[in-house]
Each structure stands twice: as structure tokens, then as C-alpha cells.
Amino acid sequence: MPPSMETENSTNTSRAEELKLLANEAFKAHKYSQAIDLYTQAIEVNKDNAVYWANRAFAHTKLEEYGSAIQDATKAIEIDPKYSKASIDGFHVLFGERGNLLFL
């Protein structure tokens, strides 16, 4: 890989992580729509990070946007099938906050 490409990848990774940290702070402050927007920006910079998709899935569950949550959790698992949080979030989405089956 040429040095300029390595620098660009490193810059993109750093920017995506900055966005994730901002999204995490918004999530902790119960600003779920803002968190979703920031996780989306992180995903636009780095589509191959399962954490961003899983975190956005969890934010969607907080807004009861279960269809979007299922899509994001599924994508996180596709990217990294061993990422347990994505699996847990996906399971959580499927059964909902109160254990009601939401998706067959």
C-alpha cells in the first residue's frame, strides 16, 4: 500500500473513532437521534467496523425503531460474526425490551 493511502486510512480511522466517541456521549445523554446521526457519519467514513453498526442498532432500539435496529445488527454480524455485542443487540431487538417477539 502506498504511504499516502496508509495515511488516508489512518486519518479516516481516527475521524471515525472521534465520531463514535461523540455518538457514545450523545447516547449516554439519552440523545438517541443525535447518536444515530453521529454513528451514521462514522459508518460513512468506515463501513467495515461492526461496532459502529451495533451501536447504531442499539440507539435505534431506544427510539423503538426496531426495523432499522434489526438491519444494523444484521450488518454488524455480517461484518464480524464473532462480535458478541452485535449478536446480543440483535437478539435484544428480536425480542424487544419487554420480551415481546417483534420479528419472525
N, C-alpha and C. Protein backbone atom coordinates (compact mmCIF):
# COMPACT_ATOMS: atom_id res chain seq x y z
N MET A 1 0.85 -1.18 0.00
CA MET A 1 0.00 0.00 0.00
C MET A 1 0.89 1.24 0.00
N PRO A 2 0.63 2.18 -0.88
CA PRO A 2 1.44 3.40 -0.93
C PRO A 2 1.31 4.19 0.37
N PRO A 3 2.37 4.91 0.78
CA PRO A 3 2.33 5.68 2.02
C PRO A 3 1.16 6.65 2.10
N SER A 4 0.81 7.29 1.00
CA SER A 4 -0.29 8.26 1.04
C SER A 4 -1.61 7.56 1.35
N MET A 5 -1.79 6.34 0.88
CA MET A 5 -3.01 5.58 1.14
C MET A 5 -3.06 5.16 2.62
N GLU A 6 -1.92 4.77 3.19
CA GLU A 6 -1.84 4.40 4.60
C GLU A 6 -2.22 5.60 5.47
N THR A 7 -1.71 6.77 5.12
CA THR A 7 -2.03 7.99 5.87
C THR A 7 -3.51 8.30 5.79
N GLU A 8 -4.09 8.15 4.60
CA GLU A 8 -5.52 8.41 4.43
C GLU A 8 -6.34 7.43 5.26
N ASN A 9 -5.98 6.15 5.24
CA ASN A 9 -6.70 5.15 6.03
C ASN A 9 -6.60 5.45 7.51
N SER A 10 -5.43 5.86 7.97
CA SER A 10 -5.23 6.20 9.37
C SER A 10 -6.06 7.42 9.76
N THR A 11 -6.10 8.41 8.89
CA THR A 11 -6.90 9.61 9.13
C THR A 11 -8.38 9.26 9.19
N ASN A 12 -8.83 8.42 8.26
CA ASN A 12 -10.24 8.00 8.25
C ASN A 12 -10.60 7.24 9.51
N THR A 13 -9.72 6.34 9.93
CA THR A 13 -9.97 5.57 11.15
C THR A 13 -10.06 6.49 12.35
N SER A 14 -9.16 7.45 12.44
CA SER A 14 -9.18 8.40 13.56
C SER A 14 -10.46 9.22 13.55
N ARG A 15 -10.87 9.69 12.39
CA ARG A 15 -12.08 10.50 12.28
C ARG A 15 -13.31 9.67 12.65
N ALA A 16 -13.36 8.45 12.19
CA ALA A 16 -14.49 7.57 12.52
C ALA A 16 -14.55 7.32 14.03
N GLU A 17 -13.40 7.11 14.65
CA GLU A 17 -13.37 6.89 16.10
C GLU A 17 -13.80 8.14 16.87
N GLU A 18 -13.40 9.31 16.39
CA GLU A 18 -13.85 10.57 17.01
C GLU A 18 -15.36 10.67 16.95
N LEU A 19 -15.93 10.35 15.79
CA LEU A 19 -17.38 10.40 15.63
C LEU A 19 -18.07 9.40 16.55
N LYS A 20 -17.49 8.20 16.68
CA LYS A 20 -18.05 7.19 17.57
C LYS A 20 -18.06 7.68 19.01
N LEU A 21 -16.96 8.31 19.44
CA LEU A 21 -16.89 8.83 20.81
C LEU A 21 -17.95 9.90 21.05
N LEU A 22 -18.13 10.78 20.07
CA LEU A 22 -19.19 11.80 20.19
C LEU A 22 -20.56 11.14 20.24
N ALA A 23 -20.76 10.11 19.42
CA ALA A 23 -22.03 9.38 19.42
C ALA A 23 -22.26 8.71 20.76
N ASN A 24 -21.21 8.12 21.32
CA ASN A 24 -21.35 7.48 22.64
C ASN A 24 -21.78 8.48 23.70
N GLU A 25 -21.20 9.67 23.64
CA GLU A 25 -21.58 10.72 24.60
C GLU A 25 -23.04 11.12 24.42
N ALA A 26 -23.47 11.28 23.18
CA ALA A 26 -24.87 11.61 22.91
C ALA A 26 -25.78 10.50 23.43
N PHE A 27 -25.39 9.25 23.21
CA PHE A 27 -26.18 8.12 23.69
C PHE A 27 -26.31 8.16 25.20
N LYS A 28 -25.19 8.38 25.90
CA LYS A 28 -25.20 8.45 27.36
C LYS A 28 -26.10 9.56 27.87
N ALA A 29 -26.22 10.63 27.08
CA ALA A 29 -27.07 11.77 27.44
C ALA A 29 -28.52 11.56 26.98
N HIS A 30 -28.83 10.36 26.51
CA HIS A 30 -30.17 9.99 26.03
C HIS A 30 -30.59 10.79 24.80
N LYS A 31 -29.62 11.27 24.05
CA LYS A 31 -29.87 11.98 22.78
C LYS A 31 -29.70 10.96 21.65
N TYR A 32 -30.66 10.07 21.55
CA TYR A 32 -30.53 8.91 20.67
C TYR A 32 -30.53 9.28 19.18
N SER A 33 -31.32 10.26 18.79
CA SER A 33 -31.32 10.69 17.38
C SER A 33 -29.97 11.27 17.00
N GLN A 34 -29.41 12.08 17.89
CA GLN A 34 -28.08 12.64 17.63
C GLN A 34 -27.04 11.53 17.57
N ALA A 35 -27.14 10.55 18.46
CA ALA A 35 -26.21 9.43 18.45
C ALA A 35 -26.30 8.67 17.13
N ILE A 36 -27.51 8.44 16.65
CA ILE A 36 -27.70 7.74 15.38
C ILE A 36 -27.04 8.52 14.25
N ASP A 37 -27.23 9.83 14.24
CA ASP A 37 -26.61 10.67 13.20
C ASP A 37 -25.08 10.56 13.23
N LEU A 38 -24.52 10.58 14.43
CA LEU A 38 -23.06 10.51 14.55
C LEU A 38 -22.52 9.12 14.21
N TYR A 39 -23.23 8.07 14.63
CA TYR A 39 -22.81 6.71 14.23
C TYR A 39 -22.91 6.57 12.71
N THR A 40 -23.92 7.18 12.12
CA THR A 40 -24.06 7.14 10.66
C THR A 40 -22.86 7.80 9.99
N GLN A 41 -22.43 8.93 10.53
CA GLN A 41 -21.25 9.60 9.97
C GLN A 41 -20.00 8.72 10.10
N ALA A 42 -19.87 8.04 11.24
CA ALA A 42 -18.73 7.13 11.44
C ALA A 42 -18.78 5.99 10.42
N ILE A 43 -19.98 5.47 10.17
CA ILE A 43 -20.15 4.39 9.20
C ILE A 43 -19.80 4.87 7.80
N GLU A 44 -20.17 6.10 7.48
CA GLU A 44 -19.84 6.65 6.16
C GLU A 44 -18.33 6.73 5.95
N VAL A 45 -17.58 6.94 7.03
CA VAL A 45 -16.12 7.01 6.95
C VAL A 45 -15.52 5.60 6.93
N ASN A 46 -16.11 4.68 7.70
CA ASN A 46 -15.58 3.32 7.80
C ASN A 46 -16.73 2.33 7.90
N LYS A 47 -17.16 1.82 6.77
CA LYS A 47 -18.31 0.91 6.71
C LYS A 47 -18.01 -0.49 7.25
N ASP A 48 -16.75 -0.80 7.49
CA ASP A 48 -16.35 -2.15 7.87
C ASP A 48 -16.10 -2.33 9.37
N ASN A 49 -16.63 -1.45 10.19
CA ASN A 49 -16.45 -1.56 11.63
C ASN A 49 -17.77 -2.01 12.26
N ALA A 50 -17.82 -3.24 12.73
CA ALA A 50 -19.04 -3.80 13.30
C ALA A 50 -19.54 -3.02 14.52
N VAL A 51 -18.63 -2.44 15.27
CA VAL A 51 -19.01 -1.69 16.47
C VAL A 51 -19.94 -0.53 16.13
N TYR A 52 -19.63 0.20 15.07
CA TYR A 52 -20.45 1.35 14.70
C TYR A 52 -21.87 0.90 14.36
N TRP A 53 -21.98 -0.19 13.60
CA TRP A 53 -23.30 -0.71 13.22
C TRP A 53 -24.07 -1.20 14.44
N ALA A 54 -23.39 -1.92 15.34
CA ALA A 54 -24.06 -2.44 16.53
C ALA A 54 -24.49 -1.32 17.47
N ASN A 55 -23.64 -0.32 17.62
CA ASN A 55 -24.01 0.81 18.47
C ASN A 55 -25.21 1.56 17.90
N ARG A 56 -25.21 1.74 16.58
CA ARG A 56 -26.36 2.42 15.97
C ARG A 56 -27.61 1.58 16.12
N ALA A 57 -27.48 0.26 16.02
CA ALA A 57 -28.63 -0.63 16.22
C ALA A 57 -29.21 -0.42 17.62
N PHE A 58 -28.34 -0.36 18.62
CA PHE A 58 -28.81 -0.19 19.99
C PHE A 58 -29.50 1.16 20.17
N ALA A 59 -28.96 2.20 19.55
CA ALA A 59 -29.60 3.52 19.61
C ALA A 59 -30.99 3.48 18.97
N HIS A 60 -31.11 2.75 17.86
CA HIS A 60 -32.42 2.60 17.22
C HIS A 60 -33.42 1.92 18.16
N THR A 61 -32.96 0.93 18.95
CA THR A 61 -33.90 0.26 19.88
C THR A 61 -34.43 1.25 20.91
N LYS A 62 -33.60 2.18 21.32
CA LYS A 62 -34.03 3.17 22.33
C LYS A 62 -35.14 4.06 21.79
N LEU A 63 -35.19 4.23 20.47
CA LEU A 63 -36.26 5.02 19.84
C LEU A 63 -37.37 4.11 19.30
N GLU A 64 -37.28 2.81 19.64
CA GLU A 64 -38.25 1.80 19.21
C GLU A 64 -38.34 1.71 17.69
N GLU A 65 -37.21 1.95 17.04
CA GLU A 65 -37.10 1.81 15.58
C GLU A 65 -36.51 0.43 15.29
N TYR A 66 -37.35 -0.58 15.53
CA TYR A 66 -36.86 -1.95 15.53
C TYR A 66 -36.45 -2.45 14.15
N GLY A 67 -37.11 -2.02 13.10
CA GLY A 67 -36.72 -2.43 11.75
C GLY A 67 -35.31 -1.98 11.43
N SER A 68 -35.02 -0.71 11.73
CA SER A 68 -33.66 -0.18 11.49
C SER A 68 -32.65 -0.87 12.40
N ALA A 69 -33.05 -1.15 13.63
CA ALA A 69 -32.15 -1.83 14.56
C ALA A 69 -31.79 -3.22 14.06
N ILE A 70 -32.77 -3.94 13.54
CA ILE A 70 -32.52 -5.28 13.02
C ILE A 70 -31.56 -5.22 11.84
N GLN A 71 -31.79 -4.25 10.95
CA GLN A 71 -30.90 -4.11 9.79
C GLN A 71 -29.46 -3.84 10.22
N ASP A 72 -29.29 -2.92 11.18
CA ASP A 72 -27.94 -2.57 11.62
C ASP A 72 -27.28 -3.72 12.37
N ALA A 73 -28.03 -4.40 13.24
CA ALA A 73 -27.46 -5.53 13.97
C ALA A 73 -27.06 -6.64 13.01
N THR A 74 -27.89 -6.87 12.00
CA THR A 74 -27.58 -7.88 10.99
C THR A 74 -26.30 -7.52 10.24
N LYS A 75 -26.16 -6.25 9.87
CA LYS A 75 -24.95 -5.80 9.17
C LYS A 75 -23.72 -5.98 10.06
N ALA A 76 -23.85 -5.66 11.34
CA ALA A 76 -22.71 -5.83 12.26
C ALA A 76 -22.28 -7.29 12.31
N ILE A 77 -23.24 -8.18 12.34
CA ILE A 77 -22.93 -9.62 12.39
C ILE A 77 -22.32 -10.08 11.08
N GLU A 78 -22.80 -9.54 9.96
CA GLU A 78 -22.20 -9.87 8.65
C GLU A 78 -20.74 -9.46 8.61
N ILE A 79 -20.44 -8.29 9.14
CA ILE A 79 -19.06 -7.78 9.13
C ILE A 79 -18.18 -8.62 10.05
N ASP A 80 -18.69 -8.92 11.23
CA ASP A 80 -17.90 -9.67 12.21
C ASP A 80 -18.80 -10.63 12.98
N PRO A 81 -18.96 -11.84 12.50
CA PRO A 81 -19.85 -12.81 13.14
C PRO A 81 -19.47 -13.13 14.59
N LYS A 82 -18.24 -12.87 14.97
CA LYS A 82 -17.79 -13.17 16.33
C LYS A 82 -17.99 -12.00 17.30
N TYR A 83 -18.47 -10.89 16.79
CA TYR A 83 -18.67 -9.71 17.65
C TYR A 83 -19.91 -9.94 18.50
N SER A 84 -19.71 -10.31 19.76
CA SER A 84 -20.81 -10.76 20.60
C SER A 84 -21.83 -9.66 20.89
N LYS A 85 -21.39 -8.42 20.98
CA LYS A 85 -22.35 -7.35 21.27
C LYS A 85 -23.37 -7.22 20.14
N ALA A 86 -22.93 -7.39 18.91
CA ALA A 86 -23.86 -7.33 17.79
C ALA A 86 -24.89 -8.44 17.91
N SER A 87 -24.44 -9.62 18.29
CA SER A 87 -25.36 -10.74 18.46
C SER A 87 -26.33 -10.47 19.60
N ILE A 88 -25.82 -9.94 20.68
CA ILE A 88 -26.68 -9.64 21.82
C ILE A 88 -27.67 -8.54 21.44
N ASP A 89 -27.20 -7.49 20.79
CA ASP A 89 -28.10 -6.42 20.37
C ASP A 89 -29.14 -6.97 19.39
N GLY A 90 -28.71 -7.81 18.47
CA GLY A 90 -29.64 -8.40 17.52
C GLY A 90 -30.70 -9.23 18.22
N PHE A 91 -30.29 -10.02 19.20
CA PHE A 91 -31.23 -10.83 19.98
C PHE A 91 -32.19 -9.92 20.73
N HIS A 92 -31.64 -8.88 21.35
CA HIS A 92 -32.44 -7.92 22.10
C HIS A 92 -33.51 -7.31 21.19
N VAL A 93 -33.11 -6.94 19.99
CA VAL A 93 -34.04 -6.35 19.03
C VAL A 93 -35.14 -7.34 18.68
N LEU A 94 -34.76 -8.58 18.44
CA LEU A 94 -35.74 -9.58 18.02
C LEU A 94 -36.81 -9.81 19.08
N PHE A 95 -36.43 -9.71 20.34
CA PHE A 95 -37.38 -9.98 21.40
C PHE A 95 -37.85 -8.73 22.12
N GLY A 96 -37.31 -7.60 21.82
CA GLY A 96 -37.80 -6.34 22.34
C GLY A 96 -37.47 -6.13 23.80
N GLU A 97 -37.79 -4.96 24.27
CA GLU A 97 -37.48 -4.57 25.64
C GLU A 97 -38.27 -5.38 26.66
N ARG A 98 -39.48 -5.77 26.34
CA ARG A 98 -40.33 -6.48 27.29
C ARG A 98 -40.45 -7.97 26.97
N GLY A 99 -39.59 -8.45 26.08
CA GLY A 99 -39.62 -9.86 25.74
C GLY A 99 -40.67 -10.22 24.69
N ASN A 100 -41.31 -9.22 24.10
CA ASN A 100 -42.31 -9.49 23.06
C ASN A 100 -41.60 -9.80 21.75
N LEU A 101 -42.07 -10.82 21.07
CA LEU A 101 -41.48 -11.18 19.79
C LEU A 101 -41.84 -10.12 18.77
N LEU A 102 -40.82 -9.54 18.14
CA LEU A 102 -41.04 -8.45 17.22
C LEU A 102 -40.79 -8.83 15.77
N PHE A 103 -40.06 -9.92 15.56
CA PHE A 103 -39.63 -10.27 14.23
C PHE A 103 -39.53 -11.77 14.11
N LEU A 104 -40.10 -12.34 13.08
CA LEU A 104 -40.00 -13.78 12.87
C LEU A 104 -39.08 -14.09 11.73
